[in-house]
């Protein structure tokens, strides 16, 4: 497939947000404490494990479209809207941050869908739609712990 700059740039931002969320989820998995420890430890692991596979799929799609996938912390930092946590937040604050970050990834995935649909790239649009579904579900599951 011919490279479309808008699509590969949108995919690169999705990759950066996804990798940043992967790292943050892994950090919170290691450092969560409190009465919800067991539940959150397992939930954060489930989410970062899924993200580990997702970042590979996103990067490989970028390569399939003929572009170079970003792959460094500095590149991800420059592209990502998901920001690092400061210190070690309390468990409820971890959840709030991750819910907010899910929304950032959904927004990035929607940009992928929009760019891909504009050029008739159904495969990339499908990848974006699947990412939206995953992160909307993750947001709901995380937010449920705050009720």
Protein backbone atom coordinates (compact mmCIF):
# COMPACT_ATOMS: atom_id res chain seq x y z
CA UNK A 1 0.00 0.00 0.00
CA UNK A 2 1.19 3.50 -0.83
CA UNK A 3 2.30 5.62 2.12
CA UNK A 4 -0.06 8.40 3.20
CA UNK A 5 1.71 10.90 5.44
CA UNK A 6 -1.38 11.90 7.41
CA UNK A 7 -2.21 8.27 8.17
CA UNK A 8 1.32 7.30 9.20
CA UNK A 9 1.65 10.44 11.33
CA UNK A 10 -1.64 9.61 13.06
CA UNK A 11 -0.44 6.04 13.57
CA UNK A 12 2.83 7.34 15.03
CA UNK A 13 0.92 9.44 17.56
CA UNK A 14 -1.25 6.42 18.43
CA UNK A 15 1.90 4.35 18.85
CA UNK A 16 3.46 6.97 21.13
CA UNK A 17 0.31 7.29 23.26
CA UNK A 18 -0.07 3.52 23.45
CA UNK A 19 3.56 2.95 24.44
CA UNK A 20 3.41 5.74 27.02
CA UNK A 21 0.25 4.20 28.47
CA UNK A 22 1.93 0.77 28.45
CA UNK A 23 4.84 2.17 30.49
CA UNK A 24 2.57 4.03 32.90
CA UNK A 25 0.33 0.98 33.42
CA UNK A 26 3.39 -1.16 34.09
CA UNK A 27 4.74 1.43 36.55
CA UNK A 28 1.40 1.50 38.39
CA UNK A 29 1.25 -2.31 38.40
CA UNK A 30 4.61 -2.38 40.20
CA UNK A 31 3.84 0.40 42.64
CA UNK A 32 0.13 0.24 43.53
CA UNK A 33 -0.67 -0.21 47.22
CA UNK A 34 -3.73 -0.15 49.42
CA UNK A 35 -6.96 -2.09 49.86
CA UNK A 36 -7.48 -2.47 46.09
CA UNK A 37 -3.95 -3.81 45.57
CA UNK A 38 -4.79 -7.30 44.31
CA UNK A 39 -7.53 -6.16 41.96
CA UNK A 40 -5.58 -3.23 40.53
CA UNK A 41 -2.30 -5.12 40.31
CA UNK A 42 -4.05 -7.73 38.13
CA UNK A 43 -6.04 -5.17 36.11
CA UNK A 44 -2.98 -3.05 35.36
CA UNK A 45 -1.11 -6.20 34.27
CA UNK A 46 -3.96 -7.20 31.97
CA UNK A 47 -3.93 -3.74 30.39
CA UNK A 48 -0.16 -3.43 29.90
CA UNK A 49 0.01 -6.97 28.50
CA UNK A 50 -2.64 -6.10 25.91
CA UNK A 51 -0.80 -2.85 25.10
CA UNK A 52 2.48 -4.73 24.58
CA UNK A 53 0.84 -6.59 21.70
CA UNK A 54 -0.96 -3.49 20.43
CA UNK A 55 2.19 -1.38 20.06
CA UNK A 56 3.72 -4.08 17.91
CA UNK A 57 0.66 -4.20 15.67
CA UNK A 58 0.59 -0.41 15.33
CA UNK A 59 4.32 -0.18 14.56
CA UNK A 60 4.08 -2.98 12.01
CA UNK A 61 1.18 -1.19 10.29
CA UNK A 62 3.33 1.95 10.03
CA UNK A 63 6.06 -0.16 8.42
CA UNK A 64 3.58 -1.86 6.08
CA UNK A 65 2.58 1.61 4.87
CA UNK A 66 6.22 2.37 4.04
CA UNK A 67 7.08 4.72 6.90
CA UNK A 68 9.52 4.36 9.77
CA UNK A 69 7.95 3.66 13.17
CA UNK A 70 9.14 5.86 16.03
CA UNK A 71 10.86 3.73 18.64
CA UNK A 72 12.63 5.84 21.25
CA UNK A 73 11.57 7.44 24.51
CA UNK A 74 12.42 10.87 23.12
CA UNK A 75 10.30 10.28 20.01
CA UNK A 76 7.42 8.94 22.08
CA UNK A 77 7.69 11.84 24.51
CA UNK A 78 7.54 14.36 21.68
CA UNK A 79 4.50 12.68 20.07
CA UNK A 80 2.51 11.50 23.08
CA UNK A 81 -0.35 13.23 24.86
CA UNK A 82 -0.06 10.63 27.65
CA UNK A 83 2.28 12.11 30.23
CA UNK A 84 4.38 10.38 32.86
CA UNK A 85 3.08 10.17 36.41
CA UNK A 86 4.77 12.37 38.96
CA UNK A 87 6.00 10.30 41.88
CA UNK A 88 3.82 7.41 42.99
CA UNK A 89 0.17 8.43 43.13
CA UNK A 90 -2.35 6.86 45.50
CA UNK A 91 -4.33 3.98 43.96
CA UNK A 92 -7.44 6.10 43.25
CA UNK A 93 -5.29 8.75 41.58
CA UNK A 94 -3.62 6.04 39.46
CA UNK A 95 -7.06 5.00 38.28
CA UNK A 96 -8.07 8.60 37.50
CA UNK A 97 -4.88 9.16 35.51
CA UNK A 98 -5.34 5.95 33.54
CA UNK A 99 -8.98 6.81 32.76
CA UNK A 100 -7.84 10.18 31.42
CA UNK A 101 -5.06 8.50 29.45
CA UNK A 102 -7.51 6.02 27.89
CA UNK A 103 -9.36 9.07 26.52
CA UNK A 104 -6.10 10.38 25.01
CA UNK A 105 -5.53 7.06 23.25
CA UNK A 106 -9.13 6.96 22.01
CA UNK A 107 -8.68 10.45 20.55
CA UNK A 108 -5.47 9.36 18.81
CA UNK A 109 -7.19 6.24 17.45
CA UNK A 110 -10.06 8.37 16.12
CA UNK A 111 -7.51 10.46 14.21
CA UNK A 112 -6.13 7.26 12.71
CA UNK A 113 -9.62 6.22 11.59
CA UNK A 114 -10.31 9.65 10.11
CA UNK A 115 -7.02 9.79 8.18
CA UNK A 116 -7.31 6.18 6.98
CA UNK A 117 -10.90 6.54 5.84
CA UNK A 118 -9.99 9.69 3.89
CA UNK A 119 -7.67 7.62 1.69
CA UNK A 120 -9.69 4.40 1.62
CA UNK A 121 -7.30 2.47 3.87
CA UNK A 122 -9.76 0.03 5.43
CA UNK A 123 -7.12 -2.05 7.22
CA UNK A 124 -5.72 0.94 9.11
CA UNK A 125 -9.21 2.25 9.85
CA UNK A 126 -10.07 -1.17 11.30
CA UNK A 127 -6.97 -1.10 13.50
CA UNK A 128 -8.04 2.32 14.81
CA UNK A 129 -11.59 1.17 15.47
CA UNK A 130 -10.37 -1.89 17.38
CA UNK A 131 -8.11 0.35 19.51
CA UNK A 132 -11.06 2.64 20.28
CA UNK A 133 -13.09 -0.36 21.48
CA UNK A 134 -10.30 -1.62 23.74
CA UNK A 135 -9.63 1.75 25.37
CA UNK A 136 -13.29 2.63 25.87
CA UNK A 137 -13.74 -0.72 27.65
CA UNK A 138 -10.59 -0.15 29.72
CA UNK A 139 -11.84 3.28 30.73
CA UNK A 140 -15.14 1.84 31.90
CA UNK A 141 -13.43 -0.97 33.84
CA UNK A 142 -11.03 1.44 35.54
CA UNK A 143 -13.69 4.06 36.34
CA UNK A 144 -15.90 1.38 37.90
CA UNK A 145 -13.37 1.15 40.74
CA UNK A 146 -14.05 4.78 41.67
CA UNK A 147 -17.80 4.41 42.21
